[in-house]
């Protein structure tokens, strides 16, 4: 997991749950931009307890604080990458 992302949560006194850890690992290890659905499907493999709402909340928190780039390729589907 990217230390910057880990520090982001600990600095805000937010828990790094198993679900968030899976999401952060996926984003950190990805070589491409991923949609929320793609992140969700990968996170589900790592931690079956992950729900789509957790993915959306986590990526919204990160993107609203400039930790993730939120990209629209013109297909009305946002994709995310670490900033």
Protein backbone atom coordinates (compact mmCIF):
# COMPACT_ATOMS: atom_id res chain seq x y z
CA UNK A 1 0.00 0.00 0.00
CA UNK A 2 1.21 3.49 -0.87
CA UNK A 3 2.44 5.18 2.35
CA UNK A 4 0.94 8.49 1.26
CA UNK A 5 -2.50 6.89 1.14
CA UNK A 6 -1.97 5.17 4.47
CA UNK A 7 -0.86 8.45 6.07
CA UNK A 8 -3.85 10.22 4.56
CA UNK A 9 -6.20 8.02 6.60
CA UNK A 10 -4.16 7.95 9.80
CA UNK A 11 -3.72 11.75 9.75
CA UNK A 12 -7.51 12.09 9.62
CA UNK A 13 -8.03 9.49 12.35
CA UNK A 14 -9.89 7.28 9.87
CA UNK A 15 -9.69 3.54 10.28
CA UNK A 16 -7.97 1.54 7.60
CA UNK A 17 -10.42 -1.33 7.50
CA UNK A 18 -9.78 -4.56 5.60
CA UNK A 19 -12.05 -3.24 2.86
CA UNK A 20 -10.22 0.08 2.58
CA UNK A 21 -6.87 -1.70 2.67
CA UNK A 22 -7.96 -3.86 -0.27
CA UNK A 23 -9.12 -0.77 -2.20
CA UNK A 24 -5.88 1.09 -1.48
CA UNK A 25 -3.77 -1.92 -2.52
CA UNK A 26 -5.67 -2.22 -5.79
CA UNK A 27 -5.21 1.46 -6.57
CA UNK A 28 -1.53 1.38 -5.57
CA UNK A 29 -0.73 -1.64 -7.70
CA UNK A 30 -2.73 -0.71 -10.78
CA UNK A 31 -0.92 0.33 -13.96
CA UNK A 32 -4.11 1.74 -15.44
CA UNK A 33 -7.11 3.86 -14.51
CA UNK A 34 -9.89 1.82 -12.92
CA UNK A 35 -13.62 2.43 -12.62
CA UNK A 36 -15.38 2.08 -9.28
CA UNK A 37 -16.92 -1.16 -10.53
CA UNK A 38 -13.51 -2.57 -11.50
CA UNK A 39 -12.10 -1.61 -8.11
CA UNK A 40 -15.10 -3.24 -6.45
CA UNK A 41 -14.73 -6.52 -8.36
CA UNK A 42 -11.02 -6.75 -7.50
CA UNK A 43 -11.63 -5.78 -3.86
CA UNK A 44 -14.35 -8.44 -3.60
CA UNK A 45 -11.75 -11.07 -4.58
CA UNK A 46 -9.40 -9.91 -1.83
CA UNK A 47 -12.07 -9.31 0.78
CA UNK A 48 -15.54 -10.73 0.13
CA UNK A 49 -17.02 -8.36 2.72
CA UNK A 50 -16.34 -5.32 0.54
CA UNK A 51 -19.44 -3.51 -0.70
CA UNK A 52 -19.80 -1.10 -3.60
CA UNK A 53 -20.81 1.72 -1.24
CA UNK A 54 -17.48 1.41 0.59
CA UNK A 55 -15.64 1.67 -2.72
CA UNK A 56 -17.56 4.80 -3.73
CA UNK A 57 -17.10 6.45 -0.34
CA UNK A 58 -13.38 5.68 -0.28
CA UNK A 59 -12.68 6.93 -3.79
CA UNK A 60 -14.80 10.04 -3.19
CA UNK A 61 -12.89 10.81 -0.01
CA UNK A 62 -9.57 10.34 -1.78
CA UNK A 63 -10.49 12.23 -4.94
CA UNK A 64 -12.04 15.17 -3.06
CA UNK A 65 -8.72 15.54 -1.22
CA UNK A 66 -6.62 15.34 -4.42
CA UNK A 67 -5.21 11.91 -3.62
CA UNK A 68 -6.83 10.37 -6.73
CA UNK A 69 -7.32 11.69 -10.23
CA UNK A 70 -10.92 11.33 -11.39
CA UNK A 71 -10.96 10.94 -15.17
CA UNK A 72 -13.85 10.79 -17.64
CA UNK A 73 -12.92 9.34 -21.03
CA UNK A 74 -16.18 10.53 -22.56
CA UNK A 75 -18.18 7.39 -21.85
CA UNK A 76 -19.87 8.83 -18.72
CA UNK A 77 -17.88 6.41 -16.57
CA UNK A 78 -15.27 7.85 -14.23
CA UNK A 79 -11.97 6.10 -13.74
CA UNK A 80 -9.46 6.68 -10.98
CA UNK A 81 -5.71 6.65 -10.55
CA UNK A 82 -3.41 7.69 -7.73
CA UNK A 83 -2.42 11.32 -8.02
